[in-house]
Amino acid sequence: MKSVRIALFASIVGLGSLLGSSHYSPAAADGLGLDWLANKQYVNCLTLMNSISHGGGIWGPTRTGAAQAQGFDNGRRQCNQQYYGHQ
């Protein structure tokens, strides 16, 4: 049960980080550039990359700081390439 709470917390933190780092796009239909949230597979990919970037468990040793940020950025780029064809 504790691992479920940790995973839920990590996904909420990851999603919050993504929302906080989203770029404002005046051309977006909603004015905030959050239309990517409707793509569930893309969001799942980002959630997985967030989990992997933290490390620990089956992903290897736990990472902190710059290594964690670099790991997530690399994963985000892979998700962007896979679902939108750009980085």
PDB file of N, CA and C in Angstrom:
ATOM      1  N   MET A   1       0.821  -1.194   0.000  1.00  0.00           N
ATOM      2  CA  MET A   1       0.000   0.000   0.000  1.00  0.00           C
ATOM      3  C   MET A   1       0.864   1.256   0.000  1.00  0.00           C
ATOM      4  N   LYS A   2       1.989   1.180   0.722  1.00  0.00           N
ATOM      5  CA  LYS A   2       2.875   2.337   0.787  1.00  0.00           C
ATOM      6  C   LYS A   2       3.465   2.646  -0.589  1.00  0.00           C
ATOM      7  N   SER A   3       3.807   1.594  -1.346  1.00  0.00           N
ATOM      8  CA  SER A   3       4.376   1.821  -2.679  1.00  0.00           C
ATOM      9  C   SER A   3       3.359   2.462  -3.618  1.00  0.00           C
ATOM     10  N   VAL A   4       2.092   2.143  -3.443  1.00  0.00           N
ATOM     11  CA  VAL A   4       1.043   2.762  -4.269  1.00  0.00           C
ATOM     12  C   VAL A   4       0.955   4.250  -3.949  1.00  0.00           C
ATOM     13  N   ARG A   5       1.019   4.595  -2.666  1.00  0.00           N
ATOM     14  CA  ARG A   5       0.973   6.010  -2.280  1.00  0.00           C
ATOM     15  C   ARG A   5       2.197   6.756  -2.802  1.00  0.00           C
ATOM     16  N   ILE A   6       3.352   6.105  -2.751  1.00  0.00           N
ATOM     17  CA  ILE A   6       4.573   6.745  -3.251  1.00  0.00           C
ATOM     18  C   ILE A   6       4.471   6.962  -4.753  1.00  0.00           C
ATOM     19  N   ALA A   7       3.981   5.955  -5.472  1.00  0.00           N
ATOM     20  CA  ALA A   7       3.829   6.083  -6.930  1.00  0.00           C
ATOM     21  C   ALA A   7       2.824   7.171  -7.277  1.00  0.00           C
ATOM     22  N   LEU A   8       1.732   7.234  -6.535  1.00  0.00           N
ATOM     23  CA  LEU A   8       0.731   8.272  -6.777  1.00  0.00           C
ATOM     24  C   LEU A   8       1.318   9.657  -6.508  1.00  0.00           C
ATOM     25  N   PHE A   9       2.039   9.782  -5.408  1.00  0.00           N
ATOM     26  CA  PHE A   9       2.675  11.055  -5.075  1.00  0.00           C
ATOM     27  C   PHE A   9       3.681  11.459  -6.161  1.00  0.00           C
ATOM     28  N   ALA A  10       4.493  10.491  -6.620  1.00  0.00           N
ATOM     29  CA  ALA A  10       5.483  10.790  -7.661  1.00  0.00           C
ATOM     30  C   ALA A  10       4.806  11.232  -8.954  1.00  0.00           C
ATOM     31  N   SER A  11       3.696  10.593  -9.315  1.00  0.00           N
ATOM     32  CA  SER A  11       3.018  10.993 -10.550  1.00  0.00           C
ATOM     33  C   SER A  11       2.382  12.372 -10.412  1.00  0.00           C
ATOM     34  N   ILE A  12       1.861  12.690  -9.218  1.00  0.00           N
ATOM     35  CA  ILE A  12       1.286  14.021  -8.995  1.00  0.00           C
ATOM     36  C   ILE A  12       2.370  15.085  -9.051  1.00  0.00           C
ATOM     37  N   VAL A  13       3.512  14.796  -8.423  1.00  0.00           N
ATOM     38  CA  VAL A  13       4.629  15.744  -8.463  1.00  0.00           C
ATOM     39  C   VAL A  13       5.118  15.914  -9.886  1.00  0.00           C
ATOM     40  N   GLY A  14       5.217  14.810 -10.615  1.00  0.00           N
ATOM     41  CA  GLY A  14       5.656  14.887 -12.012  1.00  0.00           C
ATOM     42  C   GLY A  14       4.710  15.693 -12.874  1.00  0.00           C
ATOM     43  N   LEU A  15       3.430  15.459 -12.706  1.00  0.00           N
ATOM     44  CA  LEU A  15       2.445  16.209 -13.481  1.00  0.00           C
ATOM     45  C   LEU A  15       2.464  17.683 -13.094  1.00  0.00           C
ATOM     46  N   GLY A  16       2.615  17.949 -11.798  1.00  0.00           N
ATOM     47  CA  GLY A  16       2.724  19.339 -11.348  1.00  0.00           C
ATOM     48  C   GLY A  16       3.942  20.023 -11.932  1.00  0.00           C
ATOM     49  N   SER A  17       5.050  19.281 -12.015  1.00  0.00           N
ATOM     50  CA  SER A  17       6.263  19.841 -12.618  1.00  0.00           C
ATOM     51  C   SER A  17       6.043  20.155 -14.088  1.00  0.00           C
ATOM     52  N   LEU A  18       5.346  19.245 -14.771  1.00  0.00           N
ATOM     53  CA  LEU A  18       5.066  19.475 -16.184  1.00  0.00           C
ATOM     54  C   LEU A  18       4.169  20.678 -16.385  1.00  0.00           C
ATOM     55  N   LEU A  19       3.141  20.791 -15.559  1.00  0.00           N
ATOM     56  CA  LEU A  19       2.240  21.934 -15.678  1.00  0.00           C
ATOM     57  C   LEU A  19       2.977  23.233 -15.376  1.00  0.00           C
ATOM     58  N   GLY A  20       3.841  23.205 -14.393  1.00  0.00           N
ATOM     59  CA  GLY A  20       4.589  24.403 -14.023  1.00  0.00           C
ATOM     60  C   GLY A  20       5.606  24.806 -15.068  1.00  0.00           C
ATOM     61  N   SER A  21       6.092  23.826 -15.844  1.00  0.00           N
ATOM     62  CA  SER A  21       7.111  24.143 -16.835  1.00  0.00           C
ATOM     63  C   SER A  21       6.536  24.322 -18.237  1.00  0.00           C
ATOM     64  N   SER A  22       5.231  24.189 -18.395  1.00  0.00           N
ATOM     65  CA  SER A  22       4.645  24.325 -19.730  1.00  0.00           C
ATOM     66  C   SER A  22       4.823  25.758 -20.227  1.00  0.00           C
ATOM     67  N   HIS A  23       5.050  25.845 -21.502  1.00  0.00           N
ATOM     68  CA  HIS A  23       5.279  27.157 -22.107  1.00  0.00           C
ATOM     69  C   HIS A  23       3.956  27.782 -22.529  1.00  0.00           C
ATOM     70  N   TYR A  24       3.826  29.049 -22.311  1.00  0.00           N
ATOM     71  CA  TYR A  24       2.610  29.764 -22.706  1.00  0.00           C
ATOM     72  C   TYR A  24       2.604  29.909 -24.215  1.00  0.00           C
ATOM     73  N   SER A  25       1.516  29.533 -24.830  1.00  0.00           N
ATOM     74  CA  SER A  25       1.372  29.623 -26.276  1.00  0.00           C
ATOM     75  C   SER A  25       0.086  30.377 -26.599  1.00  0.00           C
ATOM     76  N   PRO A  26       0.191  31.641 -27.045  1.00  0.00           N
ATOM     77  CA  PRO A  26      -1.022  32.392 -27.353  1.00  0.00           C
ATOM     78  C   PRO A  26      -1.816  31.785 -28.499  1.00  0.00           C
ATOM     79  N   ALA A  27      -1.168  30.971 -29.333  1.00  0.00           N
ATOM     80  CA  ALA A  27      -1.870  30.364 -30.457  1.00  0.00           C
ATOM     81  C   ALA A  27      -2.680  29.148 -30.037  1.00  0.00           C
ATOM     82  N   ALA A  28      -2.460  28.651 -28.828  1.00  0.00           N
ATOM     83  CA  ALA A  28      -3.187  27.469 -28.364  1.00  0.00           C
ATOM     84  C   ALA A  28      -4.667  27.810 -28.157  1.00  0.00           C
ATOM     85  N   ALA A  29      -5.504  26.834 -28.405  1.00  0.00           N
ATOM     86  CA  ALA A  29      -6.947  27.061 -28.312  1.00  0.00           C
ATOM     87  C   ALA A  29      -7.377  27.451 -26.909  1.00  0.00           C
ATOM     88  N   ASP A  30      -6.740  26.874 -25.897  1.00  0.00           N
ATOM     89  CA  ASP A  30      -7.132  27.187 -24.528  1.00  0.00           C
ATOM     90  C   ASP A  30      -6.344  28.358 -23.952  1.00  0.00           C
ATOM     91  N   GLY A  31      -5.407  28.891 -24.705  1.00  0.00           N
ATOM     92  CA  GLY A  31      -4.636  30.041 -24.243  1.00  0.00           C
ATOM     93  C   GLY A  31      -3.508  29.683 -23.298  1.00  0.00           C
ATOM     94  N   LEU A  32      -3.444  28.441 -22.828  1.00  0.00           N
ATOM     95  CA  LEU A  32      -2.397  28.040 -21.892  1.00  0.00           C
ATOM     96  C   LEU A  32      -1.449  26.998 -22.470  1.00  0.00           C
ATOM     97  N   GLY A  33      -1.749  26.456 -23.608  1.00  0.00           N
ATOM     98  CA  GLY A  33      -0.895  25.453 -24.230  1.00  0.00           C
ATOM     99  C   GLY A  33      -0.937  24.116 -23.507  1.00  0.00           C
ATOM    100  N   LEU A  34      -2.071  23.757 -22.922  1.00  0.00           N
ATOM    101  CA  LEU A  34      -2.193  22.506 -22.189  1.00  0.00           C
ATOM    102  C   LEU A  34      -2.980  21.455 -22.952  1.00  0.00           C
ATOM    103  N   ASP A  35      -3.107  21.611 -24.262  1.00  0.00           N
ATOM    104  CA  ASP A  35      -3.868  20.667 -25.061  1.00  0.00           C
ATOM    105  C   ASP A  35      -3.236  19.280 -25.084  1.00  0.00           C
ATOM    106  N   TRP A  36      -1.940  19.165 -24.785  1.00  0.00           N
ATOM    107  CA  TRP A  36      -1.263  17.876 -24.765  1.00  0.00           C
ATOM    108  C   TRP A  36      -1.792  16.969 -23.652  1.00  0.00           C
ATOM    109  N   LEU A  37      -2.468  17.541 -22.652  1.00  0.00           N
ATOM    110  CA  LEU A  37      -3.007  16.728 -21.559  1.00  0.00           C
ATOM    111  C   LEU A  37      -4.103  15.772 -22.029  1.00  0.00           C
ATOM    112  N   ALA A  38      -4.712  16.061 -23.172  1.00  0.00           N
ATOM    113  CA  ALA A  38      -5.746  15.189 -23.711  1.00  0.00           C
ATOM    114  C   ALA A  38      -5.159  13.916 -24.316  1.00  0.00           C
ATOM    115  N   ASN A  39      -3.875  13.910 -24.610  1.00  0.00           N
ATOM    116  CA  ASN A  39      -3.216  12.738 -25.183  1.00  0.00           C
ATOM    117  C   ASN A  39      -2.752  11.838 -24.034  1.00  0.00           C
ATOM    118  N   LYS A  40      -3.598  10.878 -23.656  1.00  0.00           N
ATOM    119  CA  LYS A  40      -3.331  10.027 -22.485  1.00  0.00           C
ATOM    120  C   LYS A  40      -2.061   9.200 -22.642  1.00  0.00           C
ATOM    121  N   GLN A  41      -1.791   8.704 -23.848  1.00  0.00           N
ATOM    122  CA  GLN A  41      -0.582   7.910 -24.048  1.00  0.00           C
ATOM    123  C   GLN A  41       0.667   8.763 -23.834  1.00  0.00           C
ATOM    124  N   TYR A  42       0.628   9.994 -24.287  1.00  0.00           N
ATOM    125  CA  TYR A  42       1.755  10.906 -24.095  1.00  0.00           C
ATOM    126  C   TYR A  42       1.947  11.208 -22.607  1.00  0.00           C
ATOM    127  N   VAL A  43       0.861  11.464 -21.906  1.00  0.00           N
ATOM    128  CA  VAL A  43       0.937  11.741 -20.468  1.00  0.00           C
ATOM    129  C   VAL A  43       1.476  10.519 -19.724  1.00  0.00           C
ATOM    130  N   ASN A  44       1.029   9.321 -20.122  1.00  0.00           N
ATOM    131  CA  ASN A  44       1.543   8.098 -19.508  1.00  0.00           C
ATOM    132  C   ASN A  44       3.036   7.938 -19.770  1.00  0.00           C
ATOM    133  N   CYS A  45       3.473   8.275 -20.971  1.00  0.00           N
ATOM    134  CA  CYS A  45       4.894   8.217 -21.298  1.00  0.00           C
ATOM    135  C   CYS A  45       5.688   9.164 -20.401  1.00  0.00           C
ATOM    136  N   LEU A  46       5.192  10.387 -20.230  1.00  0.00           N
ATOM    137  CA  LEU A  46       5.883  11.350 -19.368  1.00  0.00           C
ATOM    138  C   LEU A  46       5.909  10.889 -17.916  1.00  0.00           C
ATOM    139  N   THR A  47       4.815  10.289 -17.464  1.00  0.00           N
ATOM    140  CA  THR A  47       4.755   9.780 -16.094  1.00  0.00           C
ATOM    141  C   THR A  47       5.782   8.668 -15.899  1.00  0.00           C
ATOM    142  N   LEU A  48       5.893   7.784 -16.877  1.00  0.00           N
ATOM    143  CA  LEU A  48       6.885   6.715 -16.808  1.00  0.00           C
ATOM    144  C   LEU A  48       8.300   7.284 -16.800  1.00  0.00           C
ATOM    145  N   MET A  49       8.559   8.262 -17.655  1.00  0.00           N
ATOM    146  CA  MET A  49       9.891   8.861 -17.708  1.00  0.00           C
ATOM    147  C   MET A  49      10.221   9.578 -16.404  1.00  0.00           C
ATOM    148  N   ASN A  50       9.223  10.173 -15.770  1.00  0.00           N
ATOM    149  CA  ASN A  50       9.438  10.812 -14.481  1.00  0.00           C
ATOM    150  C   ASN A  50       9.833   9.767 -13.443  1.00  0.00           C
ATOM    151  N   SER A  51       9.143   8.641 -13.448  1.00  0.00           N
ATOM    152  CA  SER A  51       9.451   7.565 -12.509  1.00  0.00           C
ATOM    153  C   SER A  51      10.850   7.009 -12.748  1.00  0.00           C
ATOM    154  N   ILE A  52      11.189   6.791 -14.007  1.00  0.00           N
ATOM    155  CA  ILE A  52      12.508   6.258 -14.343  1.00  0.00           C
ATOM    156  C   ILE A  52      13.601   7.241 -13.952  1.00  0.00           C
ATOM    157  N   SER A  53      13.367   8.534 -14.161  1.00  0.00           N
ATOM    158  CA  SER A  53      14.402   9.528 -13.868  1.00  0.00           C
ATOM    159  C   SER A  53      14.734   9.593 -12.382  1.00  0.00           C
ATOM    160  N   HIS A  54      13.768   9.243 -11.524  1.00  0.00           N
ATOM    161  CA  HIS A  54      14.036   9.236 -10.087  1.00  0.00           C
ATOM    162  C   HIS A  54      14.862   8.031  -9.673  1.00  0.00           C
ATOM    163  N   GLY A  55      14.811   6.974 -10.468  1.00  0.00           N
ATOM    164  CA  GLY A  55      15.569   5.770 -10.150  1.00  0.00           C
ATOM    165  C   GLY A  55      14.964   5.027  -8.975  1.00  0.00           C
ATOM    166  N   GLY A  56      15.715   4.093  -8.454  1.00  0.00           N
ATOM    167  CA  GLY A  56      15.232   3.273  -7.356  1.00  0.00           C
ATOM    168  C   GLY A  56      14.419   2.106  -7.864  1.00  0.00           C
ATOM    169  N   GLY A  57      14.150   1.162  -7.014  1.00  0.00           N
ATOM    170  CA  GLY A  57      13.364  -0.006  -7.395  1.00  0.00           C
ATOM    171  C   GLY A  57      14.015  -0.758  -8.529  1.00  0.00           C
ATOM    172  N   ILE A  58      13.214  -1.146  -9.519  1.00  0.00           N
ATOM    173  CA  ILE A  58      13.737  -1.907 -10.644  1.00  0.00           C
ATOM    174  C   ILE A  58      14.530  -1.040 -11.617  1.00  0.00           C
ATOM    175  N   TRP A  59      14.476   0.289 -11.462  1.00  0.00           N
ATOM    176  CA  TRP A  59      15.150   1.195 -12.386  1.00  0.00           C
ATOM    177  C   TRP A  59      16.602   1.434 -12.012  1.00  0.00           C
ATOM    178  N   GLY A  60      17.051   0.937 -10.896  1.00  0.00           N
ATOM    179  CA  GLY A  60      18.440   1.112 -10.495  1.00  0.00           C
ATOM    180  C   GLY A  60      18.562   2.022  -9.295  1.00  0.00           C
ATOM    181  N   PRO A  61      19.760   2.512  -9.025  1.00  0.00           N
ATOM    182  CA  PRO A  61      19.966   3.349  -7.833  1.00  0.00           C
ATOM    183  C   PRO A  61      19.201   4.680  -7.930  1.00  0.00           C
ATOM    184  N   THR A  62      18.785   5.172  -6.783  1.00  0.00           N
ATOM    185  CA  THR A  62      18.054   6.435  -6.730  1.00  0.00           C
ATOM    186  C   THR A  62      18.965   7.583  -7.130  1.00  0.00           C
ATOM    187  N   ARG A  63      18.456   8.460  -7.994  1.00  0.00           N
ATOM    188  CA  ARG A  63      19.228   9.618  -8.461  1.00  0.00           C
ATOM    189  C   ARG A  63      18.718  10.878  -7.786  1.00  0.00           C
ATOM    190  N   THR A  64      19.567  11.863  -7.713  1.00  0.00           N
ATOM    191  CA  THR A  64      19.157  13.146  -7.157  1.00  0.00           C
ATOM    192  C   THR A  64      19.706  14.267  -8.028  1.00  0.00           C
ATOM    193  N   GLY A  65      19.155  15.442  -7.862  1.00  0.00           N
ATOM    194  CA  GLY A  65      19.682  16.664  -8.475  1.00  0.00           C
ATOM    195  C   GLY A  65      19.746  16.661  -9.975  1.00  0.00           C
ATOM    196  N   ALA A  66      20.925  17.034 -10.472  1.00  0.00           N
ATOM    197  CA  ALA A  66      21.119  17.238 -11.903  1.00  0.00           C
ATOM    198  C   ALA A  66      20.935  15.957 -12.706  1.00  0.00           C
ATOM    199  N   ALA A  67      21.346  14.821 -12.158  1.00  0.00           N
ATOM    200  CA  ALA A  67      21.185  13.552 -12.878  1.00  0.00           C
ATOM    201  C   ALA A  67      19.711  13.235 -13.078  1.00  0.00           C
ATOM    202  N   GLN A  68      18.899  13.521 -12.079  1.00  0.00           N
ATOM    203  CA  GLN A  68      17.462  13.299 -12.162  1.00  0.00           C
ATOM    204  C   GLN A  68      16.831  14.222 -13.210  1.00  0.00           C
ATOM    205  N   ALA A  69      17.212  15.478 -13.194  1.00  0.00           N
ATOM    206  CA  ALA A  69      16.675  16.449 -14.160  1.00  0.00           C
ATOM    207  C   ALA A  69      17.084  16.072 -15.580  1.00  0.00           C
ATOM    208  N   GLN A  70      18.338  15.673 -15.760  1.00  0.00           N
ATOM    209  CA  GLN A  70      18.811  15.285 -17.085  1.00  0.00           C
ATOM    210  C   GLN A  70      18.097  14.023 -17.562  1.00  0.00           C
ATOM    211  N   GLY A  71      17.886  13.077 -16.662  1.00  0.00           N
ATOM    212  CA  GLY A  71      17.173  11.851 -17.013  1.00  0.00           C
ATOM    213  C   GLY A  71      15.749  12.135 -17.465  1.00  0.00           C
ATOM    214  N   PHE A  72      15.058  13.021 -16.738  1.00  0.00           N
ATOM    215  CA  PHE A  72      13.688  13.351 -17.137  1.00  0.00           C
ATOM    216  C   PHE A  72      13.673  14.096 -18.459  1.00  0.00           C
ATOM    217  N   ASP A  73      14.615  15.013 -18.669  1.00  0.00           N
ATOM    218  CA  ASP A  73      14.656  15.765 -19.921  1.00  0.00           C
ATOM    219  C   ASP A  73      14.879  14.827 -21.098  1.00  0.00           C
ATOM    220  N   ASN A  74      15.775  13.861 -20.940  1.00  0.00           N
ATOM    221  CA  ASN A  74      16.002  12.880 -22.002  1.00  0.00           C
ATOM    222  C   ASN A  74      14.733  12.072 -22.273  1.00  0.00           C
ATOM    223  N   GLY A  75      14.047  11.661 -21.211  1.00  0.00           N
ATOM    224  CA  GLY A  75      12.796  10.915 -21.379  1.00  0.00           C
ATOM    225  C   GLY A  75      11.712  11.751 -22.019  1.00  0.00           C
ATOM    226  N   ARG A  76      11.619  13.024 -21.625  1.00  0.00           N
ATOM    227  CA  ARG A  76      10.630  13.930 -22.215  1.00  0.00           C
ATOM    228  C   ARG A  76      10.868  14.074 -23.706  1.00  0.00           C
ATOM    229  N   ARG A  77      12.125  14.192 -24.085  1.00  0.00           N
ATOM    230  CA  ARG A  77      12.464  14.302 -25.505  1.00  0.00           C
ATOM    231  C   ARG A  77      12.060  13.049 -26.279  1.00  0.00           C
ATOM    232  N   GLN A  78      12.253  11.881 -25.659  1.00  0.00           N
ATOM    233  CA  GLN A  78      11.843  10.630 -26.308  1.00  0.00           C
ATOM    234  C   GLN A  78      10.326  10.589 -26.491  1.00  0.00           C
ATOM    235  N   CYS A  79       9.589  11.013 -25.477  1.00  0.00           N
ATOM    236  CA  CYS A  79       8.121  11.038 -25.585  1.00  0.00           C
ATOM    237  C   CYS A  79       7.691  12.017 -26.672  1.00  0.00           C
ATOM    238  N   ASN A  80       8.310  13.196 -26.698  1.00  0.00           N
ATOM    239  CA  ASN A  80       7.972  14.180 -27.734  1.00  0.00           C
ATOM    240  C   ASN A  80       8.220  13.629 -29.116  1.00  0.00           C
ATOM    241  N   GLN A  81       9.367  12.953 -29.295  1.00  0.00           N
ATOM    242  CA  GLN A  81       9.703  12.387 -30.598  1.00  0.00           C
ATOM    243  C   GLN A  81       8.708  11.305 -30.985  1.00  0.00           C
ATOM    244  N   GLN A  82       8.346  10.458 -30.040  1.00  0.00           N
ATOM    245  CA  GLN A  82       7.446   9.352 -30.313  1.00  0.00           C
ATOM    246  C   GLN A  82       6.029   9.813 -30.639  1.00  0.00           C
ATOM    247  N   TYR A  83       5.513  10.787 -29.901  1.00  0.00           N
ATOM    248  CA  TYR A  83       4.105  11.155 -30.058  1.00  0.00           C
ATOM    249  C   TYR A  83       3.872  12.398 -30.919  1.00  0.00           C
ATOM    250  N   TYR A  84       4.882  13.238 -31.069  1.00  0.00           N
ATOM    251  CA  TYR A  84       4.673  14.479 -31.829  1.00  0.00           C
ATOM    252  C   TYR A  84       5.704  14.696 -32.929  1.00  0.00           C
ATOM    253  N   GLY A  85       6.700  13.845 -33.010  1.00  0.00           N
ATOM    254  CA  GLY A  85       7.688  13.939 -34.071  1.00  0.00           C
ATOM    255  C   GLY A  85       8.665  15.087 -33.935  1.00  0.00           C
ATOM    256  N   HIS A  86       8.797  15.653 -32.741  1.00  0.00           N
ATOM    257  CA  HIS A  86       9.769  16.723 -32.490  1.00  0.00           C
ATOM    258  C   HIS A  86      10.205  16.676 -31.046  1.00  0.00           C
ATOM    259  N   GLN A  87      11.243  17.457 -30.746  1.00  0.00           N
ATOM    260  CA  GLN A  87      11.754  17.502 -29.382  1.00  0.00           C
ATOM    261  C   GLN A  87      11.313  18.791 -28.747  1.00  0.00           C
TER     262      GLN A  87
END
